Protein backbone atom coordinates (compact mmCIF):
# COMPACT_ATOMS: atom_id res chain seq x y z
CA UNK A 1 158.33 111.63 139.47
CA UNK A 2 154.54 111.73 139.33
CA UNK A 3 154.50 107.95 138.88
CA UNK A 4 156.62 107.47 142.00
CA UNK A 5 154.33 109.77 144.00
CA UNK A 6 151.27 107.88 142.76
CA UNK A 7 152.92 104.57 143.66
CA UNK A 8 153.75 105.83 147.17
CA UNK A 9 150.19 107.11 147.64
CA UNK A 10 148.78 103.72 146.63
CA UNK A 11 151.23 101.89 148.87
CA UNK A 12 150.35 104.17 151.76
CA UNK A 13 146.62 103.64 151.14
CA UNK A 14 147.10 99.89 151.01
CA UNK A 15 149.13 99.92 154.23
CA UNK A 16 146.41 101.94 155.99
CA UNK A 17 143.73 99.61 154.67
CA UNK A 18 145.66 96.56 155.89
CA UNK A 19 146.15 98.17 159.32
CA UNK A 20 142.42 98.86 159.62
CA UNK A 21 141.58 95.31 158.53
CA UNK A 22 143.92 93.83 161.13
CA UNK A 23 142.44 96.08 163.82
CA UNK A 24 138.92 95.04 162.80
CA UNK A 25 139.84 91.34 162.95
CA UNK A 26 141.44 91.82 166.39
CA UNK A 27 138.29 93.59 167.59
CA UNK A 28 136.12 90.82 166.15
CA UNK A 29 138.21 88.14 167.84
CA UNK A 30 138.17 89.94 171.17
CA UNK A 31 134.41 90.53 170.88
CA UNK A 32 133.74 86.89 170.07
CA UNK A 33 135.99 85.63 172.84
CA UNK A 34 134.29 87.86 175.41
CA UNK A 35 130.66 87.53 174.30
CA UNK A 36 130.43 84.04 172.83
CA UNK A 37 130.37 82.27 176.23
CA UNK A 38 127.68 84.64 177.48
CA UNK A 39 125.57 84.11 174.38
CA UNK A 40 126.02 80.35 174.58
CA UNK A 41 125.09 80.46 178.25
CA UNK A 42 121.93 82.44 177.45
CA UNK A 43 120.93 79.92 174.79
CA UNK A 44 121.52 77.07 177.25
CA UNK A 45 119.39 78.84 179.88
CA UNK A 46 116.57 79.30 177.38
CA UNK A 47 116.71 75.62 176.37
CA UNK A 48 116.76 74.56 180.02
CA UNK A 49 113.77 76.77 180.83
CA UNK A 50 111.89 75.40 177.82
CA UNK A 51 112.56 71.83 178.90
CA UNK A 52 111.48 72.52 182.48
CA UNK A 53 108.31 74.30 181.40
CA UNK A 54 107.48 71.59 178.90
CA UNK A 55 107.98 68.93 181.57
CA UNK A 56 105.88 70.92 184.03
CA UNK A 57 103.14 71.44 181.46
CA UNK A 58 103.03 67.71 180.65
CA UNK A 59 103.00 66.83 184.35
CA UNK A 60 100.02 69.09 184.96
CA UNK A 61 98.15 67.94 181.86
CA UNK A 62 98.74 71.13 179.83
CA UNK A 63 99.60 70.70 176.16
CA UNK A 64 101.86 73.50 174.96
CA UNK A 65 102.03 73.91 171.20
CA UNK A 66 105.23 75.64 170.15
CA UNK A 67 104.04 77.56 167.10
CA UNK A 68 105.86 80.81 167.88
CA UNK A 69 109.04 81.91 166.21
CA UNK A 70 110.84 83.32 169.25
CA UNK A 71 111.93 81.06 172.08
CA UNK A 72 111.27 83.77 174.66
CA UNK A 73 107.67 84.13 173.56
CA UNK A 74 107.14 80.36 173.75
CA UNK A 75 108.51 80.39 177.29
CA UNK A 76 106.24 83.27 178.33
CA UNK A 77 103.17 81.62 176.78
CA UNK A 78 103.96 78.28 178.43
CA UNK A 79 104.53 79.98 181.78
CA UNK A 80 101.24 81.87 181.46
CA UNK A 81 99.41 78.64 180.69
CA UNK A 82 100.96 76.94 183.71
CA UNK A 83 100.01 79.86 185.95
CA UNK A 84 96.43 79.86 184.63
CA UNK A 85 96.12 76.15 185.35
CA UNK A 86 97.51 76.68 188.85
CA UNK A 87 94.95 79.42 189.53
CA UNK A 88 92.08 77.19 188.35
CA UNK A 89 93.05 74.40 190.73
């Protein structure tokens, strides 16, 4: 009898583990399906802003060197340079 009880306990533990895994995968899938478009849209907005600022900086004669690791910081630095040039003119 102790072997049967141990087997049932293991089977119950495995069933609970499997249930939690399935719930975690469902949560992951729902999270990805709800947030992935927003994250992709944010990345597209950042790229678009970088391209516009780079084009604006080249049009106004400003050379922007992208040596920063974060895209947001590059955008802020480029925008600050453009604003400084606008104030000088």
